Amino acid sequence: MIHTINRHEGRTDRFESVFDPDFKAWTEQNQVFHHMAAYGSGQATLLSGSEPQRIGSAEVTMDFFSLLGVKTAIRENFCV
């Protein structure tokens, strides 16, 4: 497993996970790894009950769980 971060040009204080278009290009050019997946984290607003709540969230590419050898509880694969 390799963890990569993407540094924003012109800023020294901001890092984030790598997603499109960089990740897409890397997977298309990949000749070394059997599988590649990406993830990112952030916050989302949960609209349930009387008050909205800020909660931690994560975004993953479609191959993330299969790369780790984990089956999802809901379905084999899913996307939103």
N, C-alpha and C. Protein backbone atom coordinates (compact mmCIF):
# COMPACT_ATOMS: atom_id res chain seq x y z
N MET A 1 0.85 -1.16 0.00
CA MET A 1 0.00 0.00 0.00
C MET A 1 0.89 1.23 0.00
N ILE A 2 0.53 2.19 -0.82
CA ILE A 2 1.26 3.43 -0.93
C ILE A 2 0.29 4.57 -0.69
N HIS A 3 0.70 5.53 0.12
CA HIS A 3 -0.12 6.71 0.39
C HIS A 3 0.51 7.89 -0.35
N THR A 4 -0.27 8.56 -1.17
CA THR A 4 0.22 9.74 -1.88
C THR A 4 -0.63 10.94 -1.52
N ILE A 5 -0.05 12.11 -1.59
CA ILE A 5 -0.79 13.34 -1.38
C ILE A 5 -0.48 14.28 -2.53
N ASN A 6 -1.40 15.17 -2.79
CA ASN A 6 -1.27 16.12 -3.88
C ASN A 6 -1.12 17.51 -3.28
N ARG A 7 -0.05 18.19 -3.62
CA ARG A 7 0.19 19.52 -3.09
C ARG A 7 -0.32 20.56 -4.08
N HIS A 8 -1.10 21.51 -3.59
CA HIS A 8 -1.65 22.55 -4.44
C HIS A 8 -0.58 23.57 -4.78
N GLU A 9 -0.49 23.92 -6.04
CA GLU A 9 0.50 24.90 -6.47
C GLU A 9 0.24 26.24 -5.80
N GLY A 10 1.33 26.87 -5.36
CA GLY A 10 1.22 28.20 -4.77
C GLY A 10 0.82 28.21 -3.31
N ARG A 11 0.54 27.05 -2.74
CA ARG A 11 0.16 26.99 -1.32
C ARG A 11 1.00 25.94 -0.63
N THR A 12 1.47 26.28 0.53
CA THR A 12 2.29 25.33 1.28
C THR A 12 1.53 24.68 2.41
N ASP A 13 0.30 25.12 2.67
CA ASP A 13 -0.45 24.62 3.82
C ASP A 13 -1.59 23.69 3.45
N ARG A 14 -1.72 23.31 2.19
CA ARG A 14 -2.88 22.53 1.78
C ARG A 14 -2.45 21.25 1.08
N PHE A 15 -2.87 20.13 1.63
CA PHE A 15 -2.64 18.83 1.02
C PHE A 15 -3.97 18.09 0.96
N GLU A 16 -4.13 17.21 -0.02
CA GLU A 16 -5.34 16.39 -0.06
C GLU A 16 -5.05 15.11 -0.83
N SER A 17 -5.96 14.17 -0.71
CA SER A 17 -5.81 12.91 -1.43
C SER A 17 -5.91 13.15 -2.92
N VAL A 18 -5.40 12.22 -3.68
CA VAL A 18 -5.35 12.36 -5.13
C VAL A 18 -6.58 11.72 -5.76
N PHE A 19 -7.35 12.51 -6.51
CA PHE A 19 -8.49 12.00 -7.27
C PHE A 19 -8.36 12.50 -8.70
N ASP A 20 -9.40 12.33 -9.49
CA ASP A 20 -9.38 12.78 -10.89
C ASP A 20 -8.85 14.19 -10.98
N PRO A 21 -8.13 14.55 -12.04
CA PRO A 21 -7.75 13.72 -13.18
C PRO A 21 -6.44 12.95 -12.95
N ASP A 22 -5.69 13.29 -11.90
CA ASP A 22 -4.40 12.63 -11.68
C ASP A 22 -4.55 11.13 -11.49
N PHE A 23 -5.47 10.70 -10.65
CA PHE A 23 -5.63 9.28 -10.37
C PHE A 23 -6.03 8.52 -11.62
N LYS A 24 -6.92 9.08 -12.39
CA LYS A 24 -7.35 8.43 -13.64
C LYS A 24 -6.15 8.24 -14.58
N ALA A 25 -5.33 9.25 -14.71
CA ALA A 25 -4.14 9.15 -15.58
C ALA A 25 -3.18 8.10 -15.04
N TRP A 26 -2.99 8.07 -13.73
CA TRP A 26 -2.07 7.09 -13.15
C TRP A 26 -2.54 5.67 -13.40
N THR A 27 -3.85 5.42 -13.24
CA THR A 27 -4.36 4.06 -13.45
C THR A 27 -4.25 3.66 -14.92
N GLU A 28 -4.46 4.61 -15.82
CA GLU A 28 -4.33 4.30 -17.25
C GLU A 28 -2.89 4.01 -17.65
N GLN A 29 -1.94 4.66 -17.00
CA GLN A 29 -0.53 4.49 -17.33
C GLN A 29 0.16 3.40 -16.49
N ASN A 30 -0.54 2.87 -15.51
CA ASN A 30 0.04 1.89 -14.59
C ASN A 30 0.48 0.62 -15.31
N GLN A 31 1.70 0.20 -15.06
CA GLN A 31 2.22 -1.07 -15.56
C GLN A 31 2.88 -1.87 -14.45
N VAL A 32 2.71 -1.43 -13.20
CA VAL A 32 3.40 -2.05 -12.08
C VAL A 32 2.44 -2.70 -11.09
N PHE A 33 1.38 -2.00 -10.71
CA PHE A 33 0.47 -2.47 -9.67
C PHE A 33 -0.68 -3.28 -10.26
N HIS A 34 -1.11 -4.30 -9.54
CA HIS A 34 -2.27 -5.10 -9.97
C HIS A 34 -3.56 -4.31 -9.81
N HIS A 35 -3.68 -3.55 -8.73
CA HIS A 35 -4.86 -2.74 -8.44
C HIS A 35 -4.42 -1.40 -7.88
N MET A 36 -5.22 -0.39 -8.13
CA MET A 36 -4.99 0.93 -7.56
C MET A 36 -6.33 1.46 -7.07
N ALA A 37 -6.31 2.16 -5.94
CA ALA A 37 -7.52 2.77 -5.40
C ALA A 37 -7.12 4.07 -4.71
N ALA A 38 -8.09 4.94 -4.54
CA ALA A 38 -7.83 6.23 -3.89
C ALA A 38 -8.91 6.49 -2.86
N TYR A 39 -8.58 7.33 -1.89
CA TYR A 39 -9.56 7.74 -0.88
C TYR A 39 -9.31 9.18 -0.49
N GLY A 40 -10.32 9.78 0.07
CA GLY A 40 -10.23 11.14 0.60
C GLY A 40 -11.16 11.27 1.78
N SER A 41 -10.90 12.21 2.62
CA SER A 41 -11.77 12.42 3.78
C SER A 41 -12.15 13.89 3.87
N GLY A 42 -13.23 14.14 4.57
CA GLY A 42 -13.71 15.50 4.71
C GLY A 42 -14.87 15.54 5.68
N GLN A 43 -15.76 16.46 5.46
CA GLN A 43 -16.94 16.58 6.30
C GLN A 43 -18.17 16.72 5.43
N ALA A 44 -19.30 16.29 5.95
CA ALA A 44 -20.57 16.39 5.26
C ALA A 44 -21.63 16.84 6.26
N THR A 45 -22.76 17.29 5.77
CA THR A 45 -23.87 17.69 6.64
C THR A 45 -24.92 16.59 6.61
N LEU A 46 -25.23 16.04 7.77
CA LEU A 46 -26.26 15.02 7.91
C LEU A 46 -27.58 15.71 8.22
N LEU A 47 -28.56 15.54 7.34
CA LEU A 47 -29.87 16.16 7.53
C LEU A 47 -30.83 15.10 8.03
N SER A 48 -30.82 14.90 9.34
CA SER A 48 -31.69 13.92 9.97
C SER A 48 -32.12 14.49 11.32
N GLY A 49 -33.37 14.38 11.64
CA GLY A 49 -33.85 14.95 12.88
C GLY A 49 -34.12 16.43 12.73
N SER A 50 -34.10 17.14 13.84
CA SER A 50 -34.47 18.56 13.81
C SER A 50 -33.30 19.48 13.47
N GLU A 51 -32.07 19.05 13.73
CA GLU A 51 -30.91 19.90 13.50
C GLU A 51 -29.90 19.22 12.56
N PRO A 52 -29.41 19.94 11.56
CA PRO A 52 -28.34 19.39 10.73
C PRO A 52 -27.07 19.18 11.56
N GLN A 53 -26.31 18.14 11.27
CA GLN A 53 -25.08 17.86 12.00
C GLN A 53 -23.93 17.71 11.03
N ARG A 54 -22.75 18.25 11.38
CA ARG A 54 -21.54 18.04 10.59
C ARG A 54 -20.92 16.72 11.05
N ILE A 55 -20.62 15.85 10.10
CA ILE A 55 -20.03 14.55 10.42
C ILE A 55 -18.81 14.31 9.53
N GLY A 56 -17.92 13.46 9.98
CA GLY A 56 -16.78 13.06 9.17
C GLY A 56 -17.25 12.20 8.01
N SER A 57 -16.60 12.33 6.88
CA SER A 57 -16.99 11.55 5.71
C SER A 57 -15.75 11.04 4.99
N ALA A 58 -15.96 10.11 4.09
CA ALA A 58 -14.87 9.58 3.28
C ALA A 58 -15.39 9.30 1.88
N GLU A 59 -14.52 9.48 0.90
CA GLU A 59 -14.82 9.13 -0.48
C GLU A 59 -13.78 8.13 -0.92
N VAL A 60 -14.21 7.09 -1.61
CA VAL A 60 -13.28 6.07 -2.09
C VAL A 60 -13.60 5.75 -3.54
N THR A 61 -12.59 5.30 -4.28
CA THR A 61 -12.83 4.84 -5.65
C THR A 61 -13.44 3.45 -5.60
N MET A 62 -13.98 3.02 -6.71
CA MET A 62 -14.73 1.76 -6.76
C MET A 62 -13.91 0.54 -6.34
N ASP A 63 -12.61 0.53 -6.59
CA ASP A 63 -11.79 -0.63 -6.27
C ASP A 63 -11.22 -0.62 -4.86
N PHE A 64 -11.56 0.37 -4.06
CA PHE A 64 -10.96 0.54 -2.74
C PHE A 64 -11.14 -0.69 -1.85
N PHE A 65 -12.36 -1.16 -1.68
CA PHE A 65 -12.61 -2.28 -0.77
C PHE A 65 -12.06 -3.59 -1.31
N SER A 66 -12.19 -3.83 -2.61
CA SER A 66 -11.65 -5.07 -3.17
C SER A 66 -10.13 -5.08 -3.10
N LEU A 67 -9.49 -3.93 -3.22
CA LEU A 67 -8.04 -3.85 -3.08
C LEU A 67 -7.61 -4.29 -1.68
N LEU A 68 -8.40 -3.94 -0.69
CA LEU A 68 -8.10 -4.32 0.70
C LEU A 68 -8.59 -5.72 1.04
N GLY A 69 -9.32 -6.37 0.12
CA GLY A 69 -9.84 -7.70 0.38
C GLY A 69 -11.04 -7.70 1.30
N VAL A 70 -11.79 -6.60 1.29
CA VAL A 70 -12.94 -6.44 2.19
C VAL A 70 -14.21 -6.43 1.35
N LYS A 71 -15.21 -7.18 1.79
CA LYS A 71 -16.52 -7.15 1.13
C LYS A 71 -17.40 -6.15 1.87
N THR A 72 -18.14 -5.35 1.10
CA THR A 72 -19.04 -4.38 1.72
C THR A 72 -20.25 -5.08 2.32
N ALA A 73 -20.81 -4.48 3.35
CA ALA A 73 -21.96 -5.08 4.02
C ALA A 73 -23.23 -4.98 3.20
N ILE A 74 -23.36 -3.95 2.39
CA ILE A 74 -24.60 -3.70 1.65
C ILE A 74 -24.61 -4.49 0.35
N ARG A 75 -23.58 -4.30 -0.45
CA ARG A 75 -23.46 -4.96 -1.75
C ARG A 75 -21.98 -5.24 -2.01
N GLU A 76 -21.72 -6.05 -3.00
CA GLU A 76 -20.34 -6.33 -3.40
C GLU A 76 -19.63 -5.05 -3.80
N ASN A 77 -20.22 -4.30 -4.72
CA ASN A 77 -19.69 -3.02 -5.16
C ASN A 77 -20.81 -2.00 -5.15
N PHE A 78 -20.50 -0.77 -4.88
CA PHE A 78 -21.50 0.27 -4.91
C PHE A 78 -20.86 1.58 -5.30
N CYS A 79 -21.68 2.49 -5.81
CA CYS A 79 -21.22 3.84 -6.09
C CYS A 79 -22.42 4.76 -6.03
N VAL A 80 -22.13 6.02 -5.76
CA VAL A 80 -23.20 7.02 -5.66
C VAL A 80 -22.95 8.08 -6.70
